[in-house]
Amino acid sequence: MAFLKNISDPSTTDQELVESYKQSGSLETLGQLYQRYMELVYATCLKYLKDTETSKDAVMAIFEELVIKLKKHEVENFKGWLYTLSKNHCLMQLRSSKHLPTKELEEDRMQLTEDLHLNDVFEKESHLNGMEKCLETLADEQKKAIELFYLQGKCYKEISDQTGTEWNKVRSLIQNGRRNLKICMEKTAALEVRNAGL
């Protein structure tokens, strides 16, 4: 696919390109960065949208989102953050086409190895409903941290500043809250499956 051809300079790191774009606003710089991961973005879109042309359109639309959103967030792991942005775009598009309520789950400063597993339980509307119920079961501090991180797209530092909680404790609250939330949602889903079989 010609539109996925990678012509970026491999000697420059992702982080250097991110910082350069934030300082200069150069679309050429952003384009070099984006080209490195267009195949990942396209594959993600194809997985969810199931159509090649629609996925190609989504790749371009996600770049347009990136122009605005990358300036607003601190991104330590660009590949992971971009994956989440791409997935959210596709899920929002699918939900919009079904005229269902939407809730964006943008994850700023995402750490790929820690967070990708939780994304899987956010894929369906039924899981979103289950997530809202399970949020209520979390301890207040965990619930607040999860809401700020996943639903409002705050980074650890922003949450720390807003709540007055130390950065390391914020990280711990999010990790523990995420684990408890996932366990609750999996139990809820299993119960729904059992009830449906009755």
Protein backbone atom coordinates (compact mmCIF):
# COMPACT_ATOMS: atom_id res chain seq x y z
CA MET A 1 0.00 0.00 0.00
CA ALA A 2 1.67 3.17 -1.22
CA PHE A 3 -0.07 5.37 1.31
CA LEU A 4 1.73 3.53 4.12
CA LYS A 5 5.23 4.10 2.71
CA ASN A 6 7.65 5.09 5.46
CA ILE A 7 10.05 7.88 4.52
CA SER A 8 10.89 9.21 8.00
CA ASP A 9 14.45 9.57 9.25
CA PRO A 10 15.18 6.60 11.56
CA SER A 11 18.06 8.42 13.27
CA THR A 12 15.65 10.75 15.10
CA THR A 13 13.80 9.33 18.11
CA ASP A 14 10.04 9.53 18.57
CA GLN A 15 10.50 11.78 21.59
CA GLU A 16 12.71 14.19 19.66
CA LEU A 17 10.09 14.47 16.92
CA VAL A 18 7.31 14.94 19.49
CA GLU A 19 9.20 17.79 21.17
CA SER A 20 10.16 19.32 17.83
CA TYR A 21 6.53 19.31 16.69
CA LYS A 22 5.31 20.84 19.97
CA GLN A 23 7.83 23.66 19.63
CA SER A 24 7.51 24.34 15.91
CA GLY A 25 4.01 23.13 15.03
CA SER A 26 5.52 21.77 11.81
CA LEU A 27 3.19 19.37 10.02
CA GLU A 28 6.19 17.99 8.15
CA THR A 29 7.76 16.97 11.47
CA LEU A 30 4.51 15.43 12.66
CA GLY A 31 4.15 13.64 9.33
CA GLN A 32 7.60 12.08 9.73
CA LEU A 33 6.62 10.80 13.16
CA TYR A 34 3.22 9.54 12.04
CA GLN A 35 4.63 7.68 9.05
CA ARG A 36 6.57 5.41 11.40
CA TYR A 37 3.33 4.02 12.78
CA MET A 38 0.85 4.34 9.92
CA GLU A 39 0.90 0.56 9.43
CA LEU A 40 0.03 0.08 13.10
CA VAL A 41 -2.75 2.67 12.85
CA TYR A 42 -4.10 1.14 9.64
CA ALA A 43 -4.02 -2.39 11.10
CA THR A 44 -5.82 -1.19 14.22
CA CYS A 45 -8.49 0.56 12.15
CA LEU A 46 -8.92 -2.47 9.90
CA LYS A 47 -9.36 -4.69 12.95
CA TYR A 48 -12.29 -2.62 14.21
CA LEU A 49 -13.80 -1.09 11.08
CA LYS A 50 -13.50 -4.24 8.88
CA ASP A 51 -13.22 -2.21 5.66
CA THR A 52 -10.09 -1.15 3.79
CA GLU A 53 -11.34 2.18 2.43
CA THR A 54 -12.98 3.20 5.69
CA SER A 55 -9.74 2.30 7.49
CA LYS A 56 -7.68 4.41 5.09
CA ASP A 57 -10.01 7.34 5.73
CA ALA A 58 -9.62 6.77 9.46
CA VAL A 59 -5.81 6.86 9.16
CA MET A 60 -6.08 10.34 7.67
CA ALA A 61 -8.68 11.46 10.23
CA ILE A 62 -6.49 10.24 13.10
CA PHE A 63 -3.60 12.33 11.76
CA GLU A 64 -5.89 15.38 11.86
CA GLU A 65 -6.73 14.56 15.49
CA LEU A 66 -3.04 14.18 16.22
CA VAL A 67 -2.33 17.71 14.96
CA ILE A 68 -4.38 19.10 17.85
CA LYS A 69 -4.14 16.48 20.60
CA LEU A 70 -0.38 15.90 20.61
CA LYS A 71 0.18 19.55 21.55
CA LYS A 72 -2.07 19.20 24.59
CA HIS A 73 -0.57 16.11 26.21
CA GLU A 74 2.68 14.93 27.71
CA VAL A 75 3.47 11.74 25.81
CA GLU A 76 6.24 9.48 27.05
CA ASN A 77 5.36 6.46 24.91
CA PHE A 78 4.19 7.79 21.55
CA LYS A 79 3.54 4.38 20.00
CA GLY A 80 1.31 3.27 22.88
CA TRP A 81 -0.46 6.62 23.08
CA LEU A 82 -1.09 6.60 19.32
CA TYR A 83 -2.45 3.06 19.49
CA THR A 84 -4.96 4.16 22.12
CA LEU A 85 -5.89 7.27 20.14
CA SER A 86 -6.47 5.12 17.05
CA LYS A 87 -8.54 2.56 18.91
CA ASN A 88 -10.66 5.25 20.53
CA HIS A 89 -11.26 6.86 17.14
CA CYS A 90 -12.51 3.58 15.68
CA LEU A 91 -14.69 2.76 18.69
CA MET A 92 -16.21 6.23 18.64
CA GLN A 93 -16.90 5.87 14.93
CA LEU A 94 -18.56 2.48 15.43
CA ARG A 95 -20.69 3.76 18.30
CA SER A 96 -21.63 6.89 16.39
CA SER A 97 -22.79 4.82 13.43
CA LYS A 98 -25.08 2.90 15.79
CA HIS A 99 -26.37 6.12 17.40
CA LEU A 100 -25.23 4.93 20.82
CA PRO A 101 -24.00 7.10 23.70
CA THR A 102 -20.25 7.65 23.51
CA LYS A 103 -17.55 8.06 26.10
CA GLU A 104 -13.97 8.58 24.97
CA LEU A 105 -11.35 6.67 26.90
CA GLU A 106 -8.23 8.60 26.02
CA GLU A 107 -5.13 7.51 27.94
CA ASP A 108 -2.52 10.23 28.17
CA ARG A 109 1.07 9.16 28.88
CA MET A 110 0.04 5.56 28.36
CA GLN A 111 2.50 2.81 29.25
CA LEU A 112 1.84 0.16 26.59
CA THR A 113 2.73 -2.94 28.57
CA GLU A 114 0.63 -1.93 31.57
CA ASP A 115 -2.50 -0.56 29.95
CA LEU A 116 -3.30 -2.45 26.76
CA HIS A 117 -4.94 -5.32 28.64
CA LEU A 118 -7.54 -2.99 30.14
CA ASN A 119 -8.49 -1.58 26.75
CA ASP A 120 -9.92 -4.96 25.79
CA VAL A 121 -12.63 -4.75 28.44
CA PHE A 122 -13.73 -1.32 27.16
CA GLU A 123 -14.61 -2.50 23.65
CA LYS A 124 -18.36 -3.04 23.89
CA GLU A 125 -21.20 -0.84 25.08
CA SER A 126 -22.20 -3.50 27.61
CA HIS A 127 -18.70 -3.28 29.05
CA LEU A 128 -19.00 0.49 29.31
CA ASN A 129 -22.19 0.06 31.32
CA GLY A 130 -20.47 -2.53 33.50
CA MET A 131 -17.51 -0.20 33.94
CA GLU A 132 -19.74 2.56 35.33
CA LYS A 133 -21.26 0.16 37.87
CA CYS A 134 -17.88 -1.25 38.87
CA LEU A 135 -16.42 2.24 39.31
CA GLU A 136 -18.83 2.69 42.19
CA THR A 137 -17.30 -0.32 43.97
CA LEU A 138 -13.80 1.18 44.10
CA ALA A 139 -12.37 3.01 47.07
CA ASP A 140 -12.87 6.76 46.72
CA GLU A 141 -9.21 7.54 45.97
CA GLN A 142 -8.97 4.77 43.36
CA LYS A 143 -12.23 5.80 41.75
CA LYS A 144 -11.12 9.45 41.50
CA ALA A 145 -7.73 8.50 40.03
CA ILE A 146 -9.27 6.12 37.47
CA GLU A 147 -11.84 8.69 36.37
CA LEU A 148 -9.23 11.41 35.96
CA PHE A 149 -6.80 9.14 34.10
CA TYR A 150 -9.09 7.13 31.82
CA LEU A 151 -12.18 9.27 31.39
CA GLN A 152 -10.67 12.77 31.51
CA GLY A 153 -7.30 11.95 29.93
CA LYS A 154 -5.21 13.43 32.76
CA CYS A 155 -1.57 12.38 33.15
CA TYR A 156 -0.06 11.32 36.48
CA LYS A 157 1.41 14.78 37.12
CA GLU A 158 -1.89 16.53 36.40
CA ILE A 159 -3.72 14.17 38.77
CA SER A 160 -1.04 14.70 41.42
CA ASP A 161 -1.35 18.49 41.10
CA GLN A 162 -5.14 18.40 41.11
CA THR A 163 -5.57 16.05 44.08
CA GLY A 164 -2.47 16.91 46.11
CA THR A 165 -1.44 13.25 46.03
CA GLU A 166 2.19 12.20 45.51
CA TRP A 167 3.05 11.03 41.98
CA ASN A 168 4.00 7.52 43.11
CA LYS A 169 0.76 7.15 45.05
CA VAL A 170 -1.22 8.31 42.00
CA ARG A 171 0.49 5.61 39.95
CA SER A 172 -0.30 3.00 42.61
CA LEU A 173 -3.94 4.11 42.85
CA ILE A 174 -4.36 3.81 39.09
CA GLN A 175 -2.67 0.41 38.92
CA ASN A 176 -4.68 -1.03 41.83
CA GLY A 177 -7.90 0.63 40.70
CA ARG A 178 -7.40 -0.68 37.18
CA ARG A 179 -6.85 -4.21 38.48
CA ASN A 180 -9.91 -4.07 40.75
CA LEU A 181 -12.02 -2.55 37.98
CA LYS A 182 -10.97 -5.26 35.53
CA ILE A 183 -11.75 -8.04 38.04
CA CYS A 184 -15.18 -6.55 38.77
CA MET A 185 -16.02 -6.13 35.09
CA GLU A 186 -14.93 -9.67 34.26
CA LYS A 187 -17.10 -11.03 37.09
CA THR A 188 -20.05 -8.93 35.89
CA ALA A 189 -19.60 -10.16 32.32
CA ALA A 190 -19.39 -13.78 33.46
CA LEU A 191 -22.55 -13.37 35.52
CA GLU A 192 -24.38 -11.91 32.54
CA VAL A 193 -23.32 -14.87 30.41
CA ARG A 194 -24.55 -17.33 33.05
CA ASN A 195 -27.86 -15.49 33.42
CA ALA A 196 -28.34 -15.45 29.66
CA GLY A 197 -27.98 -19.22 29.62
CA LEU A 198 -30.74 -19.75 32.17
